[in-house]
Protein backbone atom coordinates (compact mmCIF):
# COMPACT_ATOMS: atom_id res chain seq x y z
CA UNK A 1 0.00 0.00 0.00
CA UNK A 2 1.50 3.34 -1.01
CA UNK A 3 2.05 6.17 1.45
CA UNK A 4 -0.89 8.30 0.30
CA UNK A 5 -3.36 5.44 0.35
CA UNK A 6 -2.12 4.41 3.78
CA UNK A 7 -2.74 7.97 4.99
CA UNK A 8 -6.27 7.94 3.53
CA UNK A 9 -7.07 4.64 5.26
CA UNK A 10 -5.82 6.02 8.58
CA UNK A 11 -7.74 9.29 8.09
CA UNK A 12 -10.90 7.37 7.27
CA UNK A 13 -10.50 5.28 10.44
CA UNK A 14 -9.95 8.41 12.58
CA UNK A 15 -13.04 10.08 11.06
CA UNK A 16 -15.11 6.99 11.89
CA UNK A 17 -13.78 7.14 15.42
CA UNK A 18 -14.64 10.85 15.72
CA UNK A 19 -18.16 10.39 14.34
CA UNK A 20 -18.79 7.64 16.91
CA UNK A 21 -18.15 10.03 19.82
CA UNK A 22 -21.35 12.08 19.45
CA UNK A 23 -23.72 9.05 19.69
CA UNK A 24 -21.80 7.95 22.79
CA UNK A 25 -22.22 11.39 24.38
CA UNK A 26 -25.91 11.42 23.42
CA UNK A 27 -26.36 8.00 25.02
CA UNK A 28 -24.83 9.28 28.27
CA UNK A 29 -26.99 12.42 28.21
CA UNK A 30 -30.10 10.34 27.51
CA UNK A 31 -29.36 8.11 30.52
CA UNK A 32 -29.15 11.19 32.73
CA UNK A 33 -32.28 12.68 31.16
CA UNK A 34 -34.29 9.47 31.67
CA UNK A 35 -33.23 9.29 35.33
CA UNK A 36 -34.26 12.89 36.04
CA UNK A 37 -37.48 12.41 34.06
CA UNK A 38 -38.45 9.74 36.61
CA UNK A 39 -37.76 12.28 39.37
CA UNK A 40 -39.94 14.87 37.63
CA UNK A 41 -42.78 12.39 37.04
CA UNK A 42 -42.76 11.45 40.73
CA UNK A 43 -42.76 15.13 41.72
CA UNK A 44 -45.65 15.85 39.34
CA UNK A 45 -47.59 12.93 40.83
CA UNK A 46 -47.06 14.37 44.32
CA UNK A 47 -48.29 17.80 43.18
CA UNK A 48 -51.36 16.24 41.54
CA UNK A 49 -52.15 14.29 44.72
CA UNK A 50 -51.84 17.46 46.79
CA UNK A 51 -54.33 19.19 44.49
CA UNK A 52 -56.72 16.23 44.74
CA UNK A 53 -56.36 16.14 48.55
CA UNK A 54 -57.06 19.87 48.76
CA UNK A 55 -60.16 19.50 46.54
CA UNK A 56 -61.42 16.58 48.65
CA UNK A 57 -60.92 18.58 51.86
CA UNK A 58 -62.79 21.56 50.39
CA UNK A 59 -65.72 19.32 49.39
CA UNK A 60 -65.69 17.68 52.83
CA UNK A 61 -65.76 21.11 54.48
CA UNK A 62 -68.72 22.16 52.29
CA UNK A 63 -70.65 19.10 53.38
CA UNK A 64 -69.74 19.76 57.02
CA UNK A 65 -71.06 23.31 56.66
CA UNK A 66 -74.19 21.98 54.99
CA UNK A 67 -74.64 19.45 57.81
CA UNK A 68 -74.34 22.24 60.39
CA UNK A 69 -76.99 24.25 58.53
CA UNK A 70 -79.29 21.23 58.32
CA UNK A 71 -78.82 20.47 62.02
CA UNK A 72 -79.82 24.05 62.82
CA UNK A 73 -82.78 23.71 60.48
CA UNK A 74 -83.95 20.53 62.25
CA UNK A 75 -83.73 22.34 65.59
CA UNK A 76 -85.88 25.12 64.23
CA UNK A 77 -88.38 22.60 62.85
CA UNK A 78 -88.55 21.05 66.33
CA UNK A 79 -89.34 24.48 67.80
CA UNK A 80 -92.00 25.15 65.19
CA UNK A 81 -93.76 21.87 65.96
CA UNK A 82 -95.09 23.19 69.26
CA UNK A 83 -96.54 26.24 67.56
CA UNK A 84 -98.44 24.62 64.67
CA UNK A 85 -102.21 24.49 64.78
CA UNK A 86 -103.45 22.74 61.65
CA UNK A 87 -102.92 19.25 60.21
CA UNK A 88 -101.78 20.83 56.94
CA UNK A 89 -99.00 22.67 58.76
CA UNK A 90 -98.04 19.43 60.54
CA UNK A 91 -97.70 17.58 57.23
CA UNK A 92 -95.74 20.41 55.60
CA UNK A 93 -93.38 20.58 58.57
CA UNK A 94 -93.01 16.79 58.60
CA UNK A 95 -92.11 16.81 54.89
CA UNK A 96 -89.58 19.56 55.47
CA UNK A 97 -88.07 17.55 58.35
CA UNK A 98 -87.86 14.35 56.27
CA UNK A 99 -86.11 16.18 53.44
CA UNK A 100 -83.67 17.77 55.89
CA UNK A 101 -82.91 14.38 57.47
CA UNK A 102 -82.28 12.83 54.02
CA UNK A 103 -79.94 15.69 53.22
CA UNK A 104 -78.17 15.12 56.54
CA UNK A 105 -77.69 11.44 55.73
CA UNK A 106 -76.33 12.31 52.31
CA UNK A 107 -73.99 14.96 53.77
CA UNK A 108 -72.68 12.46 56.33
CA UNK A 109 -72.06 9.91 53.56
CA UNK A 110 -70.22 12.51 51.50
CA UNK A 111 -68.12 13.55 54.50
CA UNK A 112 -67.15 9.91 55.10
CA UNK A 113 -66.40 9.44 51.39
CA UNK A 114 -64.15 12.48 51.16
CA UNK A 115 -62.40 11.50 54.41
CA UNK A 116 -61.61 8.13 52.81
CA UNK A 117 -60.37 9.83 49.63
CA UNK A 118 -58.06 12.09 51.68
CA UNK A 119 -56.78 9.11 53.66
CA UNK A 120 -56.00 7.09 50.51
CA UNK A 121 -54.42 10.05 48.71
CA UNK A 122 -52.27 10.89 51.73
CA UNK A 123 -51.10 7.27 51.93
CA UNK A 124 -50.31 7.28 48.21
CA UNK A 125 -48.45 10.57 48.57
CA UNK A 126 -46.22 9.12 51.30
CA UNK A 127 -45.27 6.18 49.04
CA UNK A 128 -44.56 8.42 46.04
CA UNK A 129 -42.50 10.78 48.21
CA UNK A 130 -40.35 7.81 49.18
CA UNK A 131 -40.00 6.86 45.51
CA UNK A 132 -39.20 10.46 44.63
CA UNK A 133 -36.38 10.49 47.17
CA UNK A 134 -35.02 7.19 45.78
CA UNK A 135 -35.24 8.44 42.18
CA UNK A 136 -33.57 11.72 43.15
CA UNK A 137 -30.61 9.98 44.79
CA UNK A 138 -30.27 7.48 41.93
CA UNK A 139 -30.39 10.30 39.36
CA UNK A 140 -27.78 12.35 41.20
CA UNK A 141 -25.46 9.33 41.57
CA UNK A 142 -25.92 8.45 37.91
CA UNK A 143 -25.30 12.05 36.89
CA UNK A 144 -21.94 12.08 38.68
CA UNK A 145 -20.79 8.82 37.07
CA UNK A 146 -22.14 9.76 33.63
CA UNK A 147 -20.51 13.19 33.72
CA UNK A 148 -17.21 11.45 34.45
CA UNK A 149 -17.82 9.13 31.50
CA UNK A 150 -18.71 12.08 29.28
CA UNK A 151 -15.49 13.82 30.29
CA UNK A 152 -13.54 10.66 29.39
CA UNK A 153 -15.22 10.58 25.98
CA UNK A 154 -14.34 14.24 25.41
CA UNK A 155 -10.71 13.46 26.25
CA UNK A 156 -10.76 10.60 23.73
CA UNK A 157 -12.30 12.96 21.20
CA UNK A 158 -9.59 15.57 21.78
CA UNK A 159 -6.95 12.88 21.27
CA UNK A 160 -8.61 11.73 18.02
CA UNK A 161 -8.80 15.29 16.70
CA UNK A 162 -5.13 15.76 17.62
CA UNK A 163 -4.14 12.65 15.66
CA UNK A 164 -6.30 13.81 12.75
CA UNK A 165 -4.74 17.27 12.67
CA UNK A 166 -1.25 15.76 12.79
CA UNK A 167 -2.06 13.36 9.94
CA UNK A 168 -3.77 15.99 7.78
CA UNK A 169 -0.75 18.25 8.21
CA UNK A 170 1.42 15.59 6.55
CA UNK A 171 -0.95 14.82 3.67
CA UNK A 172 -1.00 16.09 0.12
CA UNK A 173 -3.70 18.77 -0.17
CA UNK A 174 -4.64 17.48 -3.61
CA UNK A 175 -5.31 13.96 -2.30
CA UNK A 176 -7.03 15.32 0.80
CA UNK A 177 -9.33 17.43 -1.38
CA UNK A 178 -10.12 14.37 -3.53
CA UNK A 179 -10.97 12.37 -0.39
CA UNK A 180 -13.19 15.14 1.03
CA UNK A 181 -15.19 15.34 -2.22
CA UNK A 182 -15.99 11.63 -1.98
CA UNK A 183 -16.68 11.90 1.74
CA UNK A 184 -19.38 14.53 1.15
CA UNK A 185 -21.69 11.85 -0.19
CA UNK A 186 -20.06 8.61 1.00
CA UNK A 187 -19.42 9.91 4.54
CA UNK A 188 -17.26 7.45 6.48
CA UNK A 189 -17.32 4.86 3.72
CA UNK A 190 -15.23 7.01 1.38
CA UNK A 191 -12.31 4.58 1.76
CA UNK A 192 -13.26 0.91 1.77
CA UNK A 193 -11.52 -2.46 1.47
CA UNK A 194 -11.85 -4.94 -1.34
CA UNK A 195 -12.90 -8.37 -0.10
CA UNK A 196 -13.62 -11.39 -2.26
CA UNK A 197 -13.12 -9.07 -5.27
CA UNK A 198 -16.01 -6.83 -4.16
CA UNK A 199 -16.10 -3.17 -3.12
CA UNK A 200 -17.18 -3.04 0.52
CA UNK A 201 -18.84 0.32 -0.04
CA UNK A 202 -21.40 -0.61 -2.70
CA UNK A 203 -20.80 -4.41 -2.44
CA UNK A 204 -20.57 -4.68 -6.22
CA UNK A 205 -18.05 -7.09 -7.75
CA UNK A 206 -15.12 -5.33 -9.42
CA UNK A 207 -13.48 -6.63 -12.59
CA UNK A 208 -10.13 -8.43 -12.66
CA UNK A 209 -8.25 -5.39 -13.99
CA UNK A 210 -9.46 -3.12 -11.18
CA UNK A 211 -8.82 -5.81 -8.61
CA UNK A 212 -5.24 -6.21 -9.89
CA UNK A 213 -4.68 -2.44 -9.73
CA UNK A 214 -5.90 -2.36 -6.10
CA UNK A 215 -3.58 -5.24 -5.21
CA UNK A 216 -0.48 -4.31 -7.15
CA UNK A 217 -0.59 -0.65 -8.21
CA UNK A 218 0.90 2.23 -6.27
CA UNK A 219 -1.85 4.51 -7.58
CA UNK A 220 -5.06 5.39 -5.77
CA UNK A 221 -7.84 3.32 -7.33
CA UNK A 222 -11.57 4.04 -7.12
CA UNK A 223 -14.50 1.66 -7.48
CA UNK A 224 -15.83 1.73 -11.08
CA UNK A 225 -19.38 1.37 -9.73
CA UNK A 226 -19.60 3.86 -6.85
CA UNK A 227 -16.39 5.94 -6.98
CA UNK A 228 -15.15 5.11 -3.48
CA UNK A 229 -11.43 4.78 -2.84
CA UNK A 230 -10.40 1.12 -2.69
CA UNK A 231 -7.60 -0.63 -0.81
CA UNK A 232 -6.52 -4.18 -0.13
CA UNK A 233 -6.33 -5.07 3.54
CA UNK A 234 -2.88 -6.07 4.74
CA UNK A 235 -4.06 -9.49 5.89
CA UNK A 236 -5.35 -10.21 2.37
CA UNK A 237 -2.34 -8.92 0.44
C-alpha atoms as a PDB file:
ATOM      1  CA  UNK A   1       0.000   0.000   0.000  1.00  0.00           C
ATOM      2  CA  UNK A   2       1.502   3.344  -1.009  1.00  0.00           C
ATOM      3  CA  UNK A   3       2.053   6.173   1.455  1.00  0.00           C
ATOM      4  CA  UNK A   4      -0.886   8.298   0.295  1.00  0.00           C
ATOM      5  CA  UNK A   5      -3.358   5.442   0.349  1.00  0.00           C
ATOM      6  CA  UNK A   6      -2.123   4.412   3.777  1.00  0.00           C
ATOM      7  CA  UNK A   7      -2.737   7.972   4.992  1.00  0.00           C
ATOM      8  CA  UNK A   8      -6.266   7.939   3.529  1.00  0.00           C
ATOM      9  CA  UNK A   9      -7.069   4.644   5.262  1.00  0.00           C
ATOM     10  CA  UNK A  10      -5.821   6.020   8.577  1.00  0.00           C
ATOM     11  CA  UNK A  11      -7.738   9.294   8.091  1.00  0.00           C
ATOM     12  CA  UNK A  12     -10.905   7.365   7.274  1.00  0.00           C
ATOM     13  CA  UNK A  13     -10.499   5.282  10.441  1.00  0.00           C
ATOM     14  CA  UNK A  14      -9.955   8.406  12.582  1.00  0.00           C
ATOM     15  CA  UNK A  15     -13.039  10.078  11.062  1.00  0.00           C
ATOM     16  CA  UNK A  16     -15.112   6.988  11.888  1.00  0.00           C
ATOM     17  CA  UNK A  17     -13.776   7.140  15.424  1.00  0.00           C
ATOM     18  CA  UNK A  18     -14.638  10.855  15.717  1.00  0.00           C
ATOM     19  CA  UNK A  19     -18.157  10.394  14.344  1.00  0.00           C
ATOM     20  CA  UNK A  20     -18.786   7.642  16.909  1.00  0.00           C
ATOM     21  CA  UNK A  21     -18.155  10.026  19.819  1.00  0.00           C
ATOM     22  CA  UNK A  22     -21.350  12.081  19.451  1.00  0.00           C
ATOM     23  CA  UNK A  23     -23.718   9.055  19.692  1.00  0.00           C
ATOM     24  CA  UNK A  24     -21.796   7.948  22.793  1.00  0.00           C
ATOM     25  CA  UNK A  25     -22.224  11.386  24.383  1.00  0.00           C
ATOM     26  CA  UNK A  26     -25.906  11.424  23.420  1.00  0.00           C
ATOM     27  CA  UNK A  27     -26.362   8.003  25.020  1.00  0.00           C
ATOM     28  CA  UNK A  28     -24.825   9.277  28.265  1.00  0.00           C
ATOM     29  CA  UNK A  29     -26.986  12.416  28.212  1.00  0.00           C
ATOM     30  CA  UNK A  30     -30.102  10.344  27.506  1.00  0.00           C
ATOM     31  CA  UNK A  31     -29.361   8.110  30.516  1.00  0.00           C
ATOM     32  CA  UNK A  32     -29.148  11.193  32.729  1.00  0.00           C
ATOM     33  CA  UNK A  33     -32.277  12.682  31.156  1.00  0.00           C
ATOM     34  CA  UNK A  34     -34.293   9.474  31.671  1.00  0.00           C
ATOM     35  CA  UNK A  35     -33.226   9.294  35.327  1.00  0.00           C
ATOM     36  CA  UNK A  36     -34.261  12.891  36.040  1.00  0.00           C
ATOM     37  CA  UNK A  37     -37.485  12.408  34.065  1.00  0.00           C
ATOM     38  CA  UNK A  38     -38.447   9.738  36.614  1.00  0.00           C
ATOM     39  CA  UNK A  39     -37.763  12.277  39.370  1.00  0.00           C
ATOM     40  CA  UNK A  40     -39.941  14.870  37.625  1.00  0.00           C
ATOM     41  CA  UNK A  41     -42.778  12.393  37.042  1.00  0.00           C
ATOM     42  CA  UNK A  42     -42.764  11.446  40.732  1.00  0.00           C
ATOM     43  CA  UNK A  43     -42.759  15.132  41.720  1.00  0.00           C
ATOM     44  CA  UNK A  44     -45.647  15.845  39.335  1.00  0.00           C
ATOM     45  CA  UNK A  45     -47.585  12.930  40.833  1.00  0.00           C
ATOM     46  CA  UNK A  46     -47.064  14.370  44.325  1.00  0.00           C
ATOM     47  CA  UNK A  47     -48.293  17.795  43.180  1.00  0.00           C
ATOM     48  CA  UNK A  48     -51.357  16.240  41.544  1.00  0.00           C
ATOM     49  CA  UNK A  49     -52.149  14.292  44.721  1.00  0.00           C
ATOM     50  CA  UNK A  50     -51.839  17.465  46.789  1.00  0.00           C
ATOM     51  CA  UNK A  51     -54.326  19.191  44.489  1.00  0.00           C
ATOM     52  CA  UNK A  52     -56.717  16.230  44.743  1.00  0.00           C
ATOM     53  CA  UNK A  53     -56.364  16.143  48.549  1.00  0.00           C
ATOM     54  CA  UNK A  54     -57.065  19.874  48.755  1.00  0.00           C
ATOM     55  CA  UNK A  55     -60.160  19.501  46.538  1.00  0.00           C
ATOM     56  CA  UNK A  56     -61.424  16.580  48.652  1.00  0.00           C
ATOM     57  CA  UNK A  57     -60.920  18.581  51.857  1.00  0.00           C
ATOM     58  CA  UNK A  58     -62.787  21.555  50.385  1.00  0.00           C
ATOM     59  CA  UNK A  59     -65.716  19.323  49.393  1.00  0.00           C
ATOM     60  CA  UNK A  60     -65.686  17.676  52.830  1.00  0.00           C
ATOM     61  CA  UNK A  61     -65.759  21.108  54.483  1.00  0.00           C
ATOM     62  CA  UNK A  62     -68.720  22.159  52.287  1.00  0.00           C
ATOM     63  CA  UNK A  63     -70.652  19.096  53.378  1.00  0.00           C
ATOM     64  CA  UNK A  64     -69.741  19.756  57.018  1.00  0.00           C
ATOM     65  CA  UNK A  65     -71.062  23.313  56.662  1.00  0.00           C
ATOM     66  CA  UNK A  66     -74.193  21.985  54.992  1.00  0.00           C
ATOM     67  CA  UNK A  67     -74.642  19.455  57.809  1.00  0.00           C
ATOM     68  CA  UNK A  68     -74.338  22.239  60.393  1.00  0.00           C
ATOM     69  CA  UNK A  69     -76.991  24.254  58.530  1.00  0.00           C
ATOM     70  CA  UNK A  70     -79.294  21.229  58.316  1.00  0.00           C
ATOM     71  CA  UNK A  71     -78.824  20.468  62.018  1.00  0.00           C
ATOM     72  CA  UNK A  72     -79.823  24.047  62.818  1.00  0.00           C
ATOM     73  CA  UNK A  73     -82.785  23.706  60.484  1.00  0.00           C
ATOM     74  CA  UNK A  74     -83.954  20.528  62.250  1.00  0.00           C
ATOM     75  CA  UNK A  75     -83.735  22.336  65.589  1.00  0.00           C
ATOM     76  CA  UNK A  76     -85.884  25.119  64.228  1.00  0.00           C
ATOM     77  CA  UNK A  77     -88.378  22.603  62.848  1.00  0.00           C
ATOM     78  CA  UNK A  78     -88.553  21.055  66.328  1.00  0.00           C
ATOM     79  CA  UNK A  79     -89.337  24.479  67.796  1.00  0.00           C
ATOM     80  CA  UNK A  80     -92.005  25.152  65.187  1.00  0.00           C
ATOM     81  CA  UNK A  81     -93.759  21.870  65.956  1.00  0.00           C
ATOM     82  CA  UNK A  82     -95.089  23.188  69.256  1.00  0.00           C
ATOM     83  CA  UNK A  83     -96.543  26.236  67.559  1.00  0.00           C
ATOM     84  CA  UNK A  84     -98.439  24.623  64.667  1.00  0.00           C
ATOM     85  CA  UNK A  85    -102.214  24.493  64.781  1.00  0.00           C
ATOM     86  CA  UNK A  86    -103.454  22.740  61.648  1.00  0.00           C
ATOM     87  CA  UNK A  87    -102.923  19.252  60.213  1.00  0.00           C
ATOM     88  CA  UNK A  88    -101.777  20.832  56.943  1.00  0.00           C
ATOM     89  CA  UNK A  89     -99.004  22.665  58.760  1.00  0.00           C
ATOM     90  CA  UNK A  90     -98.037  19.428  60.535  1.00  0.00           C
ATOM     91  CA  UNK A  91     -97.700  17.582  57.226  1.00  0.00           C
ATOM     92  CA  UNK A  92     -95.744  20.408  55.603  1.00  0.00           C
ATOM     93  CA  UNK A  93     -93.380  20.578  58.567  1.00  0.00           C
ATOM     94  CA  UNK A  94     -93.006  16.787  58.601  1.00  0.00           C
ATOM     95  CA  UNK A  95     -92.109  16.807  54.888  1.00  0.00           C
ATOM     96  CA  UNK A  96     -89.581  19.557  55.470  1.00  0.00           C
ATOM     97  CA  UNK A  97     -88.070  17.549  58.347  1.00  0.00           C
ATOM     98  CA  UNK A  98     -87.862  14.349  56.266  1.00  0.00           C
ATOM     99  CA  UNK A  99     -86.112  16.181  53.440  1.00  0.00           C
ATOM    100  CA  UNK A 100     -83.674  17.771  55.894  1.00  0.00           C
ATOM    101  CA  UNK A 101     -82.906  14.381  57.470  1.00  0.00           C
ATOM    102  CA  UNK A 102     -82.278  12.829  54.024  1.00  0.00           C
ATOM    103  CA  UNK A 103     -79.942  15.694  53.220  1.00  0.00           C
ATOM    104  CA  UNK A 104     -78.172  15.121  56.544  1.00  0.00           C
ATOM    105  CA  UNK A 105     -77.692  11.444  55.730  1.00  0.00           C
ATOM    106  CA  UNK A 106     -76.331  12.311  52.308  1.00  0.00           C
ATOM    107  CA  UNK A 107     -73.995  14.965  53.773  1.00  0.00           C
ATOM    108  CA  UNK A 108     -72.680  12.457  56.326  1.00  0.00           C
ATOM    109  CA  UNK A 109     -72.058   9.906  53.555  1.00  0.00           C
ATOM    110  CA  UNK A 110     -70.217  12.509  51.501  1.00  0.00           C
ATOM    111  CA  UNK A 111     -68.120  13.547  54.499  1.00  0.00           C
ATOM    112  CA  UNK A 112     -67.150   9.911  55.101  1.00  0.00           C
ATOM    113  CA  UNK A 113     -66.405   9.440  51.392  1.00  0.00           C
ATOM    114  CA  UNK A 114     -64.148  12.483  51.163  1.00  0.00           C
ATOM    115  CA  UNK A 115     -62.399  11.498  54.413  1.00  0.00           C
ATOM    116  CA  UNK A 116     -61.608   8.134  52.807  1.00  0.00           C
ATOM    117  CA  UNK A 117     -60.366   9.830  49.633  1.00  0.00           C
ATOM    118  CA  UNK A 118     -58.061  12.092  51.682  1.00  0.00           C
ATOM    119  CA  UNK A 119     -56.781   9.107  53.656  1.00  0.00           C
ATOM    120  CA  UNK A 120     -56.002   7.091  50.510  1.00  0.00           C
ATOM    121  CA  UNK A 121     -54.418  10.050  48.710  1.00  0.00           C
ATOM    122  CA  UNK A 122     -52.269  10.893  51.734  1.00  0.00           C
ATOM    123  CA  UNK A 123     -51.096   7.268  51.933  1.00  0.00           C
ATOM    124  CA  UNK A 124     -50.310   7.282  48.210  1.00  0.00           C
ATOM    125  CA  UNK A 125     -48.449  10.574  48.569  1.00  0.00           C
ATOM    126  CA  UNK A 126     -46.218   9.118  51.300  1.00  0.00           C
ATOM    127  CA  UNK A 127     -45.271   6.185  49.039  1.00  0.00           C
ATOM    128  CA  UNK A 128     -44.564   8.418  46.043  1.00  0.00           C
ATOM    129  CA  UNK A 129     -42.500  10.782  48.206  1.00  0.00           C
ATOM    130  CA  UNK A 130     -40.350   7.810  49.183  1.00  0.00           C
ATOM    131  CA  UNK A 131     -39.999   6.859  45.510  1.00  0.00           C
ATOM    132  CA  UNK A 132     -39.200  10.463  44.625  1.00  0.00           C
ATOM    133  CA  UNK A 133     -36.379  10.485  47.170  1.00  0.00           C
ATOM    134  CA  UNK A 134     -35.024   7.188  45.781  1.00  0.00           C
ATOM    135  CA  UNK A 135     -35.239   8.439  42.184  1.00  0.00           C
ATOM    136  CA  UNK A 136     -33.571  11.722  43.150  1.00  0.00           C
ATOM    137  CA  UNK A 137     -30.606   9.983  44.787  1.00  0.00           C
ATOM    138  CA  UNK A 138     -30.273   7.482  41.927  1.00  0.00           C
ATOM    139  CA  UNK A 139     -30.393  10.298  39.356  1.00  0.00           C
ATOM    140  CA  UNK A 140     -27.779  12.348  41.203  1.00  0.00           C
ATOM    141  CA  UNK A 141     -25.459   9.335  41.573  1.00  0.00           C
ATOM    142  CA  UNK A 142     -25.917   8.453  37.905  1.00  0.00           C
ATOM    143  CA  UNK A 143     -25.305  12.054  36.885  1.00  0.00           C
ATOM    144  CA  UNK A 144     -21.943  12.083  38.683  1.00  0.00           C
ATOM    145  CA  UNK A 145     -20.789   8.819  37.073  1.00  0.00           C
ATOM    146  CA  UNK A 146     -22.145   9.760  33.633  1.00  0.00           C
ATOM    147  CA  UNK A 147     -20.510  13.193  33.725  1.00  0.00           C
ATOM    148  CA  UNK A 148     -17.214  11.448  34.453  1.00  0.00           C
ATOM    149  CA  UNK A 149     -17.824   9.128  31.504  1.00  0.00           C
ATOM    150  CA  UNK A 150     -18.710  12.076  29.279  1.00  0.00           C
ATOM    151  CA  UNK A 151     -15.491  13.820  30.288  1.00  0.00           C
ATOM    152  CA  UNK A 152     -13.536  10.662  29.390  1.00  0.00           C
ATOM    153  CA  UNK A 153     -15.224  10.578  25.975  1.00  0.00           C
ATOM    154  CA  UNK A 154     -14.337  14.236  25.405  1.00  0.00           C
ATOM    155  CA  UNK A 155     -10.713  13.457  26.246  1.00  0.00           C
ATOM    156  CA  UNK A 156     -10.762  10.596  23.731  1.00  0.00           C
ATOM    157  CA  UNK A 157     -12.302  12.965  21.196  1.00  0.00           C
ATOM    158  CA  UNK A 158      -9.592  15.566  21.782  1.00  0.00           C
ATOM    159  CA  UNK A 159      -6.948  12.876  21.273  1.00  0.00           C
ATOM    160  CA  UNK A 160      -8.606  11.726  18.022  1.00  0.00           C
ATOM    161  CA  UNK A 161      -8.798  15.291  16.700  1.00  0.00           C
ATOM    162  CA  UNK A 162      -5.135  15.764  17.622  1.00  0.00           C
ATOM    163  CA  UNK A 163      -4.136  12.652  15.662  1.00  0.00           C
ATOM    164  CA  UNK A 164      -6.299  13.806  12.746  1.00  0.00           C
ATOM    165  CA  UNK A 165      -4.736  17.273  12.670  1.00  0.00           C
ATOM    166  CA  UNK A 166      -1.249  15.763  12.787  1.00  0.00           C
ATOM    167  CA  UNK A 167      -2.063  13.358   9.937  1.00  0.00           C
ATOM    168  CA  UNK A 168      -3.769  15.988   7.777  1.00  0.00           C
ATOM    169  CA  UNK A 169      -0.749  18.248   8.213  1.00  0.00           C
ATOM    170  CA  UNK A 170       1.419  15.589   6.548  1.00  0.00           C
ATOM    171  CA  UNK A 171      -0.951  14.819   3.666  1.00  0.00           C
ATOM    172  CA  UNK A 172      -1.000  16.094   0.120  1.00  0.00           C
ATOM    173  CA  UNK A 173      -3.704  18.767  -0.166  1.00  0.00           C
ATOM    174  CA  UNK A 174      -4.637  17.477  -3.606  1.00  0.00           C
ATOM    175  CA  UNK A 175      -5.307  13.957  -2.303  1.00  0.00           C
ATOM    176  CA  UNK A 176      -7.030  15.321   0.795  1.00  0.00           C
ATOM    177  CA  UNK A 177      -9.327  17.427  -1.380  1.00  0.00           C
ATOM    178  CA  UNK A 178     -10.122  14.374  -3.529  1.00  0.00           C
ATOM    179  CA  UNK A 179     -10.969  12.372  -0.389  1.00  0.00           C
ATOM    180  CA  UNK A 180     -13.195  15.143   1.031  1.00  0.00           C
ATOM    181  CA  UNK A 181     -15.194  15.341  -2.217  1.00  0.00           C
ATOM    182  CA  UNK A 182     -15.990  11.632  -1.978  1.00  0.00           C
ATOM    183  CA  UNK A 183     -16.676  11.903   1.742  1.00  0.00           C
ATOM    184  CA  UNK A 184     -19.376  14.534   1.148  1.00  0.00           C
ATOM    185  CA  UNK A 185     -21.694  11.850  -0.191  1.00  0.00           C
ATOM    186  CA  UNK A 186     -20.058   8.607   1.004  1.00  0.00           C
ATOM    187  CA  UNK A 187     -19.425   9.911   4.542  1.00  0.00           C
ATOM    188  CA  UNK A 188     -17.258   7.446   6.476  1.00  0.00           C
ATOM    189  CA  UNK A 189     -17.322   4.859   3.718  1.00  0.00           C
ATOM    190  CA  UNK A 190     -15.227   7.013   1.383  1.00  0.00           C
ATOM    191  CA  UNK A 191     -12.315   4.585   1.763  1.00  0.00           C
ATOM    192  CA  UNK A 192     -13.258   0.905   1.769  1.00  0.00           C
ATOM    193  CA  UNK A 193     -11.523  -2.462   1.469  1.00  0.00           C
ATOM    194  CA  UNK A 194     -11.854  -4.942  -1.338  1.00  0.00           C
ATOM    195  CA  UNK A 195     -12.904  -8.366  -0.099  1.00  0.00           C
ATOM    196  CA  UNK A 196     -13.618 -11.395  -2.263  1.00  0.00           C
ATOM    197  CA  UNK A 197     -13.124  -9.069  -5.269  1.00  0.00           C
ATOM    198  CA  UNK A 198     -16.015  -6.829  -4.156  1.00  0.00           C
ATOM    199  CA  UNK A 199     -16.103  -3.171  -3.125  1.00  0.00           C
ATOM    200  CA  UNK A 200     -17.177  -3.036   0.522  1.00  0.00           C
ATOM    201  CA  UNK A 201     -18.837   0.318  -0.036  1.00  0.00           C
ATOM    202  CA  UNK A 202     -21.397  -0.609  -2.701  1.00  0.00           C
ATOM    203  CA  UNK A 203     -20.802  -4.406  -2.437  1.00  0.00           C
ATOM    204  CA  UNK A 204     -20.568  -4.685  -6.217  1.00  0.00           C
ATOM    205  CA  UNK A 205     -18.050  -7.086  -7.749  1.00  0.00           C
ATOM    206  CA  UNK A 206     -15.115  -5.333  -9.417  1.00  0.00           C
ATOM    207  CA  UNK A 207     -13.476  -6.632 -12.593  1.00  0.00           C
ATOM    208  CA  UNK A 208     -10.132  -8.426 -12.662  1.00  0.00           C
ATOM    209  CA  UNK A 209      -8.254  -5.394 -13.989  1.00  0.00           C
ATOM    210  CA  UNK A 210      -9.455  -3.118 -11.177  1.00  0.00           C
ATOM    211  CA  UNK A 211      -8.820  -5.814  -8.608  1.00  0.00           C
ATOM    212  CA  UNK A 212      -5.242  -6.209  -9.894  1.00  0.00           C
ATOM    213  CA  UNK A 213      -4.684  -2.443  -9.728  1.00  0.00           C
ATOM    214  CA  UNK A 214      -5.898  -2.360  -6.095  1.00  0.00           C
ATOM    215  CA  UNK A 215      -3.583  -5.241  -5.210  1.00  0.00           C
ATOM    216  CA  UNK A 216      -0.481  -4.310  -7.155  1.00  0.00           C
ATOM    217  CA  UNK A 217      -0.588  -0.649  -8.212  1.00  0.00           C
ATOM    218  CA  UNK A 218       0.901   2.231  -6.269  1.00  0.00           C
ATOM    219  CA  UNK A 219      -1.847   4.512  -7.579  1.00  0.00           C
ATOM    220  CA  UNK A 220      -5.061   5.388  -5.765  1.00  0.00           C
ATOM    221  CA  UNK A 221      -7.842   3.319  -7.326  1.00  0.00           C
ATOM    222  CA  UNK A 222     -11.572   4.036  -7.117  1.00  0.00           C
ATOM    223  CA  UNK A 223     -14.497   1.665  -7.475  1.00  0.00           C
ATOM    224  CA  UNK A 224     -15.827   1.729 -11.076  1.00  0.00           C
ATOM    225  CA  UNK A 225     -19.378   1.368  -9.731  1.00  0.00           C
ATOM    226  CA  UNK A 226     -19.603   3.856  -6.854  1.00  0.00           C
ATOM    227  CA  UNK A 227     -16.394   5.940  -6.983  1.00  0.00           C
ATOM    228  CA  UNK A 228     -15.153   5.108  -3.483  1.00  0.00           C
ATOM    229  CA  UNK A 229     -11.426   4.784  -2.837  1.00  0.00           C
ATOM    230  CA  UNK A 230     -10.404   1.120  -2.688  1.00  0.00           C
ATOM    231  CA  UNK A 231      -7.604  -0.630  -0.812  1.00  0.00           C
ATOM    232  CA  UNK A 232      -6.524  -4.184  -0.131  1.00  0.00           C
ATOM    233  CA  UNK A 233      -6.329  -5.074   3.541  1.00  0.00           C
ATOM    234  CA  UNK A 234      -2.876  -6.067   4.743  1.00  0.00           C
ATOM    235  CA  UNK A 235      -4.056  -9.489   5.887  1.00  0.00           C
ATOM    236  CA  UNK A 236      -5.355 -10.206   2.370  1.00  0.00           C
ATOM    237  CA  UNK A 237      -2.338  -8.919   0.444  1.00  0.00           C
END
